[in-house]
Amino acid sequence: MATKKSGGKSTADKVKDAINEKVVEPARKAGEAMRESGAKAAKNGATISTRLIDQAEVNAKEAFAAMRAAAGAKDLTEVMKIQGDYLRDQGARAMHQAREISELIVQFGKEAVAPLKGKD
């Protein structure tokens, strides 16, 4: 039988409280933080995937526009100009798109880790 001090908690109750405070509660909080972090990572992964599809769509439209322009060109010089303009614009677009995705990854990484650090 657990011993009781007058008006106090039994030793068993004190041990139980200590285990809850030092082990159970921190483990519960860590589990919740990991669940929240995982949910954010999944949501953010879908956002990045959608953004990549949007970028591919823009790139395809620009490529077809350049091909249409080249098909309607009057001579080889005009085709070369259209191709050069397209390649220059596509290079700038690719850099912008890569920067955009990188920024999203950094932002989402911070958001996904925040629950594990105890921040919202």
Protein backbone atom coordinates (compact mmCIF):
# COMPACT_ATOMS: atom_id res chain seq x y z
CA MET A 1 0.00 0.00 0.00
CA ALA A 2 1.30 3.46 -0.86
CA THR A 3 2.32 5.62 2.02
CA LYS A 4 0.68 8.98 2.51
CA LYS A 5 1.87 12.00 4.31
CA SER A 6 -0.85 13.76 6.19
CA GLY A 7 -2.83 15.80 3.67
CA GLY A 8 -0.31 15.09 0.89
CA LYS A 9 -0.05 12.82 -2.10
CA SER A 10 1.10 9.25 -1.82
CA THR A 11 4.53 8.28 -3.08
CA ALA A 12 2.90 6.41 -5.98
CA ASP A 13 0.93 9.52 -6.94
CA LYS A 14 4.08 11.62 -6.80
CA VAL A 15 5.92 9.15 -9.05
CA LYS A 16 2.96 9.04 -11.43
CA ASP A 17 2.85 12.86 -11.56
CA ALA A 18 6.60 13.05 -12.15
CA ILE A 19 6.40 10.50 -14.99
CA ASN A 20 3.51 12.39 -16.57
CA GLU A 21 5.35 15.70 -16.26
CA LYS A 22 8.80 14.53 -17.37
CA VAL A 23 8.01 11.76 -19.87
CA VAL A 24 4.39 11.46 -20.98
CA GLU A 25 3.55 15.13 -21.54
CA PRO A 26 6.78 15.98 -23.44
CA ALA A 27 6.30 12.86 -25.62
CA ARG A 28 2.69 13.87 -26.34
CA LYS A 29 3.78 17.40 -27.28
CA ALA A 30 6.56 16.05 -29.50
CA GLY A 31 4.09 13.74 -31.25
CA GLU A 32 1.70 16.61 -31.89
CA ALA A 33 4.53 18.78 -33.22
CA MET A 34 5.68 16.00 -35.55
CA ARG A 35 2.13 15.47 -36.84
CA GLU A 36 1.72 19.20 -37.46
CA SER A 37 5.10 19.39 -39.16
CA GLY A 38 4.25 16.43 -41.41
CA ALA A 39 0.90 17.95 -42.37
CA LYS A 40 2.56 21.23 -43.30
CA ALA A 41 5.23 19.44 -45.32
CA ALA A 42 2.60 17.49 -47.27
CA LYS A 43 0.55 20.62 -47.99
CA ASN A 44 3.61 22.57 -49.02
CA GLY A 45 4.83 19.73 -51.24
CA ALA A 46 1.53 19.87 -53.11
CA THR A 47 1.91 23.64 -53.50
CA ILE A 48 5.39 23.25 -54.96
CA SER A 49 4.21 20.51 -57.34
CA THR A 50 1.36 22.72 -58.55
CA ARG A 51 3.74 25.64 -59.04
CA LEU A 52 6.10 23.45 -61.08
CA ILE A 53 3.19 22.37 -63.31
CA ASP A 54 2.20 26.03 -63.77
CA GLN A 55 5.77 26.86 -64.78
CA ALA A 56 5.90 23.96 -67.25
CA GLU A 57 2.65 25.19 -68.79
CA VAL A 58 4.05 28.71 -69.25
CA ASN A 59 7.25 27.29 -70.75
CA ALA A 60 5.29 25.10 -73.19
CA LYS A 61 3.09 28.02 -74.28
CA GLU A 62 6.16 30.18 -74.88
CA ALA A 63 7.84 27.40 -76.88
CA PHE A 64 4.77 26.94 -79.08
CA ALA A 65 4.50 30.70 -79.58
CA ALA A 66 8.13 30.78 -80.72
CA MET A 67 7.55 27.82 -83.07
CA ARG A 68 4.49 29.53 -84.58
CA ALA A 69 6.48 32.72 -85.07
CA ALA A 70 9.35 30.78 -86.68
CA ALA A 71 6.90 28.97 -88.97
CA GLY A 72 5.62 32.33 -90.18
CA ALA A 73 9.09 33.84 -90.64
CA LYS A 74 9.99 35.28 -94.04
CA ASP A 75 13.59 34.12 -94.07
CA LEU A 76 16.29 32.32 -92.13
CA THR A 77 17.50 35.57 -90.49
CA GLU A 78 14.07 36.11 -88.96
CA VAL A 79 13.96 32.46 -87.75
CA MET A 80 17.37 32.92 -86.11
CA LYS A 81 16.20 36.13 -84.40
CA ILE A 82 13.03 34.43 -83.13
CA GLN A 83 15.06 31.49 -81.85
CA GLY A 84 17.62 33.75 -80.18
CA ASP A 85 14.90 35.85 -78.52
CA TYR A 86 13.16 32.69 -77.32
CA LEU A 87 16.36 31.21 -75.86
CA ARG A 88 17.25 34.47 -74.10
CA ASP A 89 13.75 34.83 -72.66
CA GLN A 90 13.61 31.16 -71.67
CA GLY A 91 16.94 31.47 -69.86
CA ALA A 92 15.67 34.46 -67.87
CA ARG A 93 12.38 32.68 -67.21
CA ALA A 94 14.19 29.54 -66.01
CA MET A 95 16.31 31.59 -63.58
CA HIS A 96 13.21 33.34 -62.24
CA GLN A 97 11.34 30.04 -61.90
CA ALA A 98 14.24 28.35 -60.12
CA ARG A 99 14.52 31.28 -57.70
CA GLU A 100 10.78 31.15 -57.05
CA ILE A 101 10.84 27.41 -56.27
CA SER A 102 13.96 27.81 -54.09
CA GLU A 103 12.27 30.55 -52.08
CA LEU A 104 9.17 28.38 -51.62
CA ILE A 105 11.30 25.45 -50.45
CA VAL A 106 13.11 27.64 -47.90
CA GLN A 107 9.86 29.21 -46.68
CA PHE A 108 8.08 25.87 -46.44
CA GLY A 109 11.06 24.26 -44.75
CA LYS A 110 10.96 26.91 -42.04
CA GLU A 111 7.20 26.45 -41.65
CA ALA A 112 7.52 22.66 -41.42
CA VAL A 113 10.23 22.81 -38.75
CA ALA A 114 8.58 25.56 -36.67
CA PRO A 115 6.25 23.17 -34.77
CA LEU A 116 9.26 21.06 -33.80
CA LYS A 117 10.94 24.15 -32.37
CA GLY A 118 7.81 25.16 -30.47
CA LYS A 119 7.03 28.09 -32.78
CA ASP A 120 3.92 28.69 -34.89
